[in-house]
Amino acid sequence: MSPRTLRSSLVAAALVALAAGVGSLYGVRGAIGSDHADSPAVLARPGADLTDVYVFPSPRNDANVVLAVDAHPLIAPGMGASTYFDPGVMYQFKIDNSGDKVEDLVIQFSASAPQNGSQTITMYGPAKPNQTGTSSTWTASTATFKYNDKNASVKGIKVFAGPREDPFFFDLAQFFKIVPDRNFGNHGAGKSVPAASASSFRGFAAGSGCDTSASQDFLAANKFNVLSLVVELPRAMLAPAGGAPGKISVWASASVKDPSSPYGASYAQIERLARPAVKEAFESFDNHDKTNRSAPTNDPALADAIVSFTTTAAGRSAETAGVLKAVLTPDEMLADLSQTGVKAAYLGTETGGATGSKFGGRGLTDNVIDISLGAIFGNTISALKLAPDDGKESKCLTTDNVGPGGHHFSDAFPYIGEPT
């Protein structure tokens, strides 16, 4: 289980999911989104549109862990500092530290209405949730801090809420030529999905038999921004009561006031995200809203969609599809906080460190698309002896030949690059 082999492993999910979300770049609401704009609810409310989740050790203090979630995709260059968090949205990190895949802790954020070019953010928690699942109410408030303040701190927790460069990297435009039905801009009244116009990603070497034209990191090339919520806190704060830091599952959600709840006190989930590009890749656009409104352990569509896409669109065996389903559901980001002195490695916890370390989570430079593509279209799963080789690999689809080089990550909080 070499890092390179496993790296290609589960690439499948990340890639396809990512692509589907990006469809919005070309769709009816092209200015809105990429995990981006994956349901009618978030298309109508871009401030609730979550794009990426990250969990990684602090580069400067190994006793700390960093949680980050990005929202409001496709903010144009120069517009970051004048784009604000939606005051009507409850943003949450949900953390399971007991292994039952149900949240034991939440970290919540609310935003004030922006005034005179500023906004106040309130953080709640980390605290035990008042209720679990898709309905939420506010826990006890921790403190407030200012929008776009990189030096904010709340009770020993570093916090940031503001515009950043979109950290996601992928040749989205080429993906939609390969799998045009994943571009939601091709769906709707009076529209028909065009035939695929490409069968390979770009950027391969001459003589490979694949497309040798230049690949492109779509989001970096167009200098799109997002709004980021970043929290750096001691690992011990996420441990079970009286216990040491260990394995956790993390996901993020965005919720809006539930008009059916008494006095409007409860918030209803309309967006959920953990592993990159999973639901967007495997599910049809029409099923995204069902997944977004469900808890990870009660998702009505994702597991079946993973099997269906893998065996039909990708043409792989039922055994390969079964491995992907087992690893990618429930859709929660796994990290092992007992692993110190290492970097994050996407799917590292699930694979025993084959992707780089047993910490797992997701780092800003992790090539989640290549990892996912290798699993869907390559031989990663058979090489790991998780399923027999079905002989249906597609070498020109196992990487998009795009890396993190077009981005400006930092080893200083909040780590995601400055907005363009």
Protein backbone atom coordinates (compact mmCIF):
# COMPACT_ATOMS: atom_id res chain seq x y z
CA MET A 1 0.00 0.00 0.00
CA SER A 2 2.33 2.69 -1.21
CA PRO A 3 1.25 6.32 -0.82
CA ARG A 4 1.15 6.66 -4.58
CA THR A 5 -1.07 3.64 -5.07
CA LEU A 6 -3.47 4.54 -2.32
CA ARG A 7 -3.38 8.12 -3.46
CA SER A 8 -5.18 7.09 -6.57
CA SER A 9 -7.58 5.12 -4.47
CA LEU A 10 -10.87 6.96 -3.67
CA VAL A 11 -10.10 9.54 -6.15
CA ALA A 12 -13.23 8.45 -7.74
CA ALA A 13 -15.53 10.05 -5.34
CA ALA A 14 -13.71 13.28 -5.01
CA LEU A 15 -13.39 13.92 -8.67
CA VAL A 16 -16.87 13.22 -9.78
CA ALA A 17 -18.46 14.98 -6.91
CA LEU A 18 -16.39 17.99 -7.48
CA ALA A 19 -17.27 18.11 -11.07
CA ALA A 20 -20.93 18.00 -10.51
CA GLY A 21 -20.79 20.94 -8.15
CA VAL A 22 -18.81 22.96 -10.59
CA GLY A 23 -21.55 22.67 -13.14
CA SER A 24 -23.00 25.83 -11.75
CA LEU A 25 -20.12 27.79 -13.18
CA TYR A 26 -21.59 27.21 -16.60
CA GLY A 27 -25.20 26.95 -15.65
CA VAL A 28 -28.20 29.18 -15.24
CA ARG A 29 -26.65 30.79 -12.17
CA GLY A 30 -23.08 30.88 -13.43
CA ALA A 31 -22.06 33.53 -10.91
CA ILE A 32 -22.95 31.35 -7.98
CA GLY A 33 -21.18 28.13 -7.64
CA SER A 34 -18.76 25.05 -7.88
CA ASP A 35 -19.45 21.94 -4.60
CA HIS A 36 -20.67 24.75 -5.40
CA ALA A 37 -24.34 25.37 -6.30
CA ASP A 38 -25.39 21.77 -6.01
CA SER A 39 -29.10 22.18 -5.20
CA PRO A 40 -31.95 24.64 -5.86
CA ALA A 41 -31.88 25.74 -2.21
CA VAL A 42 -28.25 26.87 -2.27
CA LEU A 43 -28.55 28.25 -5.79
CA ALA A 44 -31.15 30.60 -4.35
CA ARG A 45 -29.01 31.33 -1.29
CA PRO A 46 -25.27 31.35 -2.13
CA GLY A 47 -24.33 32.32 1.43
CA ALA A 48 -25.49 28.84 2.50
CA ASP A 49 -23.55 27.09 -0.26
CA LEU A 50 -20.65 25.17 1.32
CA THR A 51 -17.80 24.29 -1.03
CA ASP A 52 -15.00 22.55 0.91
CA VAL A 53 -14.16 21.22 4.38
CA TYR A 54 -10.62 20.82 5.78
CA VAL A 55 -9.24 19.20 8.93
CA PHE A 56 -5.48 19.35 9.51
CA PRO A 57 -2.85 19.72 12.25
CA SER A 58 -1.73 23.27 12.95
CA PRO A 59 1.54 23.92 11.07
CA ARG A 60 2.85 25.94 14.03
CA ASN A 61 1.50 24.11 17.07
CA ASP A 62 1.09 20.37 16.79
CA ALA A 63 -1.11 20.33 19.90
CA ASN A 64 -3.75 22.19 17.86
CA VAL A 65 -6.03 21.13 15.04
CA VAL A 66 -7.52 23.36 12.33
CA LEU A 67 -11.09 23.09 11.03
CA ALA A 68 -12.05 25.13 7.97
CA VAL A 69 -15.14 25.38 5.81
CA ASP A 70 -15.62 27.56 2.73
CA ALA A 71 -18.90 29.04 1.56
CA HIS A 72 -20.31 31.42 -1.04
CA PRO A 73 -18.36 30.28 -4.12
CA LEU A 74 -17.31 32.19 -7.22
CA ILE A 75 -16.78 35.59 -5.66
CA ALA A 76 -15.21 37.63 -8.44
CA PRO A 77 -11.69 39.08 -8.15
CA GLY A 78 -11.68 42.26 -6.07
CA MET A 79 -15.11 41.55 -4.56
CA GLY A 80 -14.07 39.48 -1.54
CA ALA A 81 -13.87 42.29 1.00
CA SER A 82 -17.37 43.47 0.09
CA THR A 83 -19.04 40.04 0.23
CA TYR A 84 -20.44 39.04 3.62
CA PHE A 85 -21.76 36.01 5.44
CA ASP A 86 -25.54 35.52 5.26
CA PRO A 87 -27.08 36.77 8.56
CA GLY A 88 -29.92 34.27 8.20
CA VAL A 89 -27.70 31.18 8.10
CA MET A 90 -26.46 28.99 10.95
CA TYR A 91 -23.03 27.66 9.96
CA GLN A 92 -21.85 24.58 11.84
CA PHE A 93 -18.98 22.18 12.26
CA LYS A 94 -20.30 18.89 13.63
CA ILE A 95 -17.89 16.54 15.40
CA ASP A 96 -18.39 12.91 16.42
CA ASN A 97 -15.78 11.81 18.98
CA SER A 98 -17.46 8.58 20.14
CA GLY A 99 -17.46 6.59 16.89
CA ASP A 100 -21.23 6.38 16.34
CA LYS A 101 -21.17 8.87 13.42
CA VAL A 102 -23.57 11.22 15.29
CA GLU A 103 -22.37 14.63 16.43
CA ASP A 104 -21.19 14.90 20.04
CA LEU A 105 -19.94 18.50 19.68
CA VAL A 106 -20.85 21.45 17.49
CA ILE A 107 -19.15 24.74 16.70
CA GLN A 108 -21.69 27.23 15.37
CA PHE A 109 -21.43 30.66 13.78
CA SER A 110 -23.92 33.45 13.18
CA ALA A 111 -23.31 36.75 11.39
CA SER A 112 -24.80 40.18 11.98
CA ALA A 113 -26.26 42.25 9.18
CA PRO A 114 -23.32 44.07 7.55
CA GLN A 115 -23.12 47.78 8.32
CA ASN A 116 -20.69 50.37 6.98
CA GLY A 117 -18.43 47.75 5.45
CA SER A 118 -18.13 45.58 8.56
CA GLN A 119 -19.81 42.55 10.12
CA THR A 120 -19.77 40.89 13.53
CA ILE A 121 -19.47 37.12 13.84
CA THR A 122 -20.62 35.18 16.92
CA MET A 123 -19.18 31.76 17.72
CA TYR A 124 -21.04 29.18 19.84
CA GLY A 125 -19.22 26.21 21.37
CA PRO A 126 -17.50 23.83 21.06
CA ALA A 127 -20.44 22.43 22.98
CA LYS A 128 -22.78 19.48 23.14
CA PRO A 129 -25.62 20.12 20.68
CA ASN A 130 -29.08 20.77 22.02
CA GLN A 131 -30.31 18.26 19.44
CA THR A 132 -28.69 16.09 16.79
CA GLY A 133 -29.62 15.56 13.17
CA THR A 134 -30.98 18.12 10.73
CA SER A 135 -32.70 20.48 13.17
CA SER A 136 -30.58 22.77 15.33
CA THR A 137 -30.82 25.49 17.94
CA TRP A 138 -28.04 27.73 19.23
CA THR A 139 -25.85 26.49 22.05
CA ALA A 140 -24.29 28.91 24.54
CA SER A 141 -22.50 31.81 22.86
CA THR A 142 -18.74 31.88 23.24
CA ALA A 143 -17.89 35.38 22.02
CA THR A 144 -18.01 37.75 19.07
CA PHE A 145 -15.28 38.86 16.70
CA LYS A 146 -14.95 40.98 13.60
CA TYR A 147 -15.26 39.91 9.99
CA ASN A 148 -11.90 39.60 8.17
CA ASP A 149 -9.81 39.91 11.34
CA LYS A 150 -6.84 37.53 11.06
CA ASN A 151 -5.84 38.15 14.68
CA ALA A 152 -9.14 37.27 16.35
CA SER A 153 -9.08 34.92 19.32
CA VAL A 154 -11.91 33.57 21.48
CA LYS A 155 -11.09 31.83 24.79
CA GLY A 156 -7.86 30.35 23.51
CA ILE A 157 -9.28 29.52 20.09
CA LYS A 158 -8.04 31.27 16.95
CA VAL A 159 -10.95 32.22 14.71
CA PHE A 160 -11.32 33.77 11.29
CA ALA A 161 -14.33 34.63 9.15
CA GLY A 162 -13.77 36.43 5.89
CA PRO A 163 -12.82 36.33 2.21
CA ARG A 164 -10.06 34.03 0.95
CA GLU A 165 -8.80 32.68 -2.34
CA ASP A 166 -10.76 29.56 -3.35
CA PRO A 167 -8.33 26.76 -2.36
CA PHE A 168 -9.87 24.03 -4.51
CA PHE A 169 -7.93 22.86 -7.59
CA PHE A 170 -9.31 20.85 -10.50
CA ASP A 171 -9.60 20.97 -14.32
CA LEU A 172 -13.34 21.48 -14.10
CA ALA A 173 -13.90 22.62 -17.66
CA GLN A 174 -12.37 19.44 -19.09
CA PHE A 175 -14.30 17.25 -16.69
CA PHE A 176 -17.59 18.62 -18.03
CA LYS A 177 -16.52 17.80 -21.55
CA ILE A 178 -15.92 14.21 -20.43
CA VAL A 179 -19.09 13.87 -18.32
CA PRO A 180 -21.46 16.59 -19.56
CA ASP A 181 -24.46 15.28 -17.63
CA ARG A 182 -22.71 16.31 -14.39
CA ASN A 183 -22.92 19.95 -15.46
CA PHE A 184 -26.23 21.12 -14.03
CA GLY A 185 -26.26 23.89 -16.63
CA ASN A 186 -27.20 21.19 -19.11
CA HIS A 187 -30.37 20.32 -17.19
CA GLY A 188 -33.75 22.02 -17.03
CA ALA A 189 -36.73 22.86 -19.18
CA GLY A 190 -35.91 22.99 -22.87
CA LYS A 191 -32.37 21.69 -22.38
CA SER A 192 -30.75 18.45 -23.38
CA VAL A 193 -27.46 16.98 -22.24
CA PRO A 194 -24.92 17.17 -25.08
CA ALA A 195 -22.73 14.25 -26.06
CA ALA A 196 -19.30 14.02 -24.46
CA SER A 197 -16.73 16.02 -26.41
CA ALA A 198 -13.64 14.58 -24.69
CA SER A 199 -12.54 11.18 -23.40
CA SER A 200 -9.36 12.24 -21.59
CA PHE A 201 -8.11 14.78 -19.12
CA ARG A 202 -5.46 17.17 -20.40
CA GLY A 203 -1.79 17.59 -19.61
CA PHE A 204 -0.48 14.10 -20.42
CA ALA A 205 2.94 13.44 -21.92
CA ALA A 206 3.47 12.99 -25.64
CA GLY A 207 3.05 9.38 -26.69
CA SER A 208 0.71 8.58 -23.80
CA GLY A 209 -2.30 8.21 -26.06
CA CYS A 210 -4.11 10.78 -23.91
CA ASP A 211 -4.79 14.52 -24.38
CA THR A 212 -1.48 16.42 -24.34
CA SER A 213 -2.95 19.94 -24.40
CA ALA A 214 -2.39 22.10 -21.31
CA SER A 215 -4.52 21.38 -18.26
CA GLN A 216 -6.06 24.26 -16.30
CA ASP A 217 -6.98 24.85 -12.68
CA PHE A 218 -10.30 26.53 -13.41
CA LEU A 219 -10.83 28.34 -10.11
CA ALA A 220 -7.25 29.62 -9.84
CA ALA A 221 -7.14 30.71 -13.48
CA ASN A 222 -10.27 32.79 -12.98
CA LYS A 223 -9.17 34.07 -9.54
CA PHE A 224 -12.39 33.15 -7.76
CA ASN A 225 -12.77 33.69 -4.01
CA VAL A 226 -14.85 32.21 -1.20
CA LEU A 227 -15.83 33.12 2.35
CA SER A 228 -13.93 31.01 4.88
CA LEU A 229 -14.62 30.06 8.49
CA VAL A 230 -11.39 28.83 10.11
CA VAL A 231 -10.95 27.62 13.69
CA GLU A 232 -7.70 26.55 15.34
CA LEU A 233 -8.10 24.98 18.75
CA PRO A 234 -6.39 22.51 21.08
CA ARG A 235 -7.01 18.91 20.06
CA ALA A 236 -8.06 18.23 23.65
CA MET A 237 -11.16 20.42 23.16
CA LEU A 238 -12.53 17.85 20.70
CA ALA A 239 -11.82 14.81 22.89
CA PRO A 240 -14.55 12.89 24.74
CA ALA A 241 -15.18 14.11 28.26
CA GLY A 242 -12.39 12.78 30.46
CA GLY A 243 -10.65 11.15 27.50
CA ALA A 244 -7.65 11.78 25.27
CA PRO A 245 -7.85 13.04 21.68
CA GLY A 246 -8.58 10.18 19.30
CA LYS A 247 -10.50 9.52 16.12
CA ILE A 248 -13.15 12.05 15.15
CA SER A 249 -15.59 12.48 12.28
CA VAL A 250 -16.23 16.00 11.02
CA TRP A 251 -18.81 17.48 8.67
CA ALA A 252 -20.25 20.93 8.09
CA SER A 253 -23.78 22.16 7.58
CA ALA A 254 -25.68 25.32 6.75
CA SER A 255 -29.19 25.83 8.12
CA VAL A 256 -31.91 28.47 7.92
CA LYS A 257 -34.79 29.28 10.24
CA ASP A 258 -37.50 26.64 10.24
CA PRO A 259 -40.83 28.47 9.89
CA SER A 260 -42.69 25.47 11.32
CA SER A 261 -40.84 25.54 14.65
CA PRO A 262 -42.34 27.40 17.62
CA TYR A 263 -41.26 31.04 17.60
CA GLY A 264 -38.82 30.24 14.78
CA ALA A 265 -36.24 29.04 17.30
CA SER A 266 -35.12 26.01 15.32
CA TYR A 267 -32.98 25.96 12.19
CA ALA A 268 -33.45 23.44 9.36
CA GLN A 269 -30.45 22.08 7.45
CA ILE A 270 -30.35 22.85 3.71
CA GLU A 271 -26.69 22.02 2.98
CA ARG A 272 -24.27 19.37 4.24
CA LEU A 273 -20.67 18.70 3.25
CA ALA A 274 -17.69 16.62 4.35
CA ARG A 275 -15.57 14.69 1.85
CA PRO A 276 -14.87 16.71 -1.31
CA ALA A 277 -16.80 16.10 -4.49
CA VAL A 278 -18.67 13.02 -3.40
CA LYS A 279 -22.36 13.83 -3.65
CA GLU A 280 -21.79 16.13 -6.61
CA ALA A 281 -20.03 13.42 -8.52
CA PHE A 282 -22.07 10.38 -7.85
CA GLU A 283 -25.57 11.76 -7.46
CA SER A 284 -27.85 13.26 -10.05
CA PHE A 285 -28.57 16.96 -9.52
CA ASP A 286 -32.17 16.17 -8.57
CA ASN A 287 -31.04 14.09 -5.57
CA HIS A 288 -28.60 16.61 -4.09
CA ASP A 289 -31.27 18.39 -2.08
CA LYS A 290 -32.33 15.13 -0.42
CA THR A 291 -28.77 14.45 0.65
CA ASN A 292 -28.20 18.04 1.77
CA ARG A 293 -31.24 17.92 4.06
CA SER A 294 -30.35 14.57 5.61
CA ALA A 295 -27.98 13.45 8.36
CA PRO A 296 -24.93 11.49 7.14
CA THR A 297 -26.24 8.30 8.78
CA ASN A 298 -29.69 8.70 7.23
CA ASP A 299 -28.86 9.74 3.67
CA PRO A 300 -31.61 8.45 1.32
CA ALA A 301 -29.63 8.67 -1.91
CA LEU A 302 -25.83 8.72 -1.70
CA ALA A 303 -24.96 5.05 -1.13
CA ASP A 304 -27.08 3.81 -4.04
CA ALA A 305 -25.79 6.64 -6.25
CA ILE A 306 -22.17 5.64 -5.65
CA VAL A 307 -22.90 2.09 -6.78
CA SER A 308 -25.00 3.20 -9.76
CA PHE A 309 -22.50 5.72 -11.11
CA THR A 310 -19.51 3.42 -10.64
CA THR A 311 -21.11 0.46 -12.42
CA THR A 312 -22.80 2.41 -15.23
CA ALA A 313 -21.10 5.71 -16.07
CA ALA A 314 -17.63 4.51 -15.02
CA GLY A 315 -18.27 0.95 -16.19
CA ARG A 316 -16.59 -0.68 -13.20
CA SER A 317 -17.41 -3.93 -11.43
CA ALA A 318 -19.95 -4.32 -8.65
CA GLU A 319 -17.06 -5.27 -6.33
CA THR A 320 -15.24 -2.00 -7.06
CA ALA A 321 -18.47 -0.06 -6.51
CA GLY A 322 -19.00 -1.85 -3.21
CA VAL A 323 -15.58 -0.79 -1.93
CA LEU A 324 -16.26 2.85 -2.80
CA LYS A 325 -19.63 2.71 -1.09
CA ALA A 326 -18.12 1.20 2.06
CA VAL A 327 -15.38 3.83 2.31
CA LEU A 328 -17.35 6.93 1.34
CA THR A 329 -20.51 6.45 3.40
CA PRO A 330 -21.52 7.89 5.74
CA ASP A 331 -20.09 11.10 4.29
CA GLU A 332 -17.98 12.33 7.20
CA MET A 333 -14.33 13.44 7.20
CA LEU A 334 -12.27 11.14 9.42
CA ALA A 335 -9.21 12.29 11.37
CA ASP A 336 -7.15 10.69 14.12
CA LEU A 337 -6.14 13.36 16.61
CA SER A 338 -3.85 10.92 18.41
CA GLN A 339 -1.49 11.05 15.41
CA THR A 340 1.05 13.79 16.12
CA GLY A 341 4.07 15.05 14.22
CA VAL A 342 2.46 14.34 10.85
CA LYS A 343 0.52 16.23 8.21
CA ALA A 344 -3.05 15.62 7.15
CA ALA A 345 -3.60 13.04 4.40
CA TYR A 346 -6.99 12.71 2.73
CA LEU A 347 -8.42 9.23 3.48
CA GLY A 348 -5.37 8.43 5.58
CA THR A 349 -7.41 7.27 8.58
CA GLU A 350 -9.56 4.98 6.43
CA THR A 351 -6.55 3.45 4.65
CA GLY A 352 -4.15 3.04 7.55
CA GLY A 353 -1.85 5.78 6.31
CA ALA A 354 -1.53 4.69 2.67
CA THR A 355 -2.25 8.21 1.44
CA GLY A 356 0.54 9.77 3.48
CA SER A 357 -0.28 9.57 7.19
CA LYS A 358 -2.76 8.01 9.58
CA PHE A 359 -3.99 11.45 10.66
CA GLY A 360 -6.40 11.55 7.74
CA GLY A 361 -8.56 14.67 7.52
CA ARG A 362 -7.75 16.89 4.58
CA GLY A 363 -4.92 19.35 4.08
CA LEU A 364 -5.04 22.36 1.79
CA THR A 365 -2.55 20.81 -0.66
CA ASP A 366 -4.02 17.28 -0.65
CA ASN A 367 -4.75 16.25 -4.24
CA VAL A 368 -8.20 14.87 -3.50
CA ILE A 369 -9.19 14.78 -7.16
CA ASP A 370 -6.30 12.54 -8.20
CA ILE A 371 -6.97 10.28 -5.22
CA SER A 372 -10.60 9.98 -6.24
CA LEU A 373 -9.92 9.54 -9.96
CA GLY A 374 -7.50 6.73 -9.28
CA ALA A 375 -10.16 4.85 -7.37
CA ILE A 376 -12.92 5.36 -9.91
CA PHE A 377 -11.03 5.02 -13.17
CA GLY A 378 -7.71 3.48 -12.15
CA ASN A 379 -6.42 0.31 -10.50
CA THR A 380 -6.10 1.62 -6.96
CA ILE A 381 -8.73 -0.64 -5.45
CA SER A 382 -7.48 -3.81 -7.14
CA ALA A 383 -3.85 -2.95 -6.36
CA LEU A 384 -4.82 -2.78 -2.70
CA LYS A 385 -6.49 -6.18 -3.10
CA LEU A 386 -9.79 -4.73 -1.97
CA ALA A 387 -11.55 -6.07 -5.08
CA PRO A 388 -10.52 -8.14 -8.12
CA ASP A 389 -9.15 -6.24 -11.12
CA ASP A 390 -12.06 -5.80 -13.52
CA GLY A 391 -9.81 -4.83 -16.43
CA LYS A 392 -11.86 -1.68 -17.09
CA GLU A 393 -9.40 1.02 -16.08
CA SER A 394 -9.23 4.24 -18.12
CA LYS A 395 -5.66 5.56 -17.91
CA CYS A 396 -6.53 8.94 -19.45
CA LEU A 397 -9.01 9.60 -16.63
CA THR A 398 -6.86 8.71 -13.63
CA THR A 399 -5.49 12.25 -13.09
CA ASP A 400 -6.47 15.76 -14.16
CA ASN A 401 -2.79 16.82 -14.07
CA VAL A 402 -3.59 19.84 -11.88
CA GLY A 403 -1.88 20.49 -8.55
CA PRO A 404 -1.93 23.15 -5.84
CA GLY A 405 0.74 25.31 -7.49
CA GLY A 406 -1.66 28.03 -8.60
CA HIS A 407 -2.72 28.76 -5.02
CA HIS A 408 -1.12 30.78 -2.22
CA PHE A 409 -1.41 28.76 0.95
CA SER A 410 0.43 29.97 4.03
CA ASP A 411 1.83 28.38 7.19
CA ALA A 412 0.37 31.32 9.14
CA PHE A 413 -3.25 31.43 10.35
CA PRO A 414 -5.76 31.35 8.65
CA TYR A 415 -3.64 29.35 6.17
CA ILE A 416 -5.86 29.79 3.09
CA GLY A 417 -4.47 32.31 0.60
CA GLU A 418 -5.35 36.00 0.55
CA PRO A 419 -8.34 36.87 -1.66
CA THR A 420 -7.60 37.90 -5.21
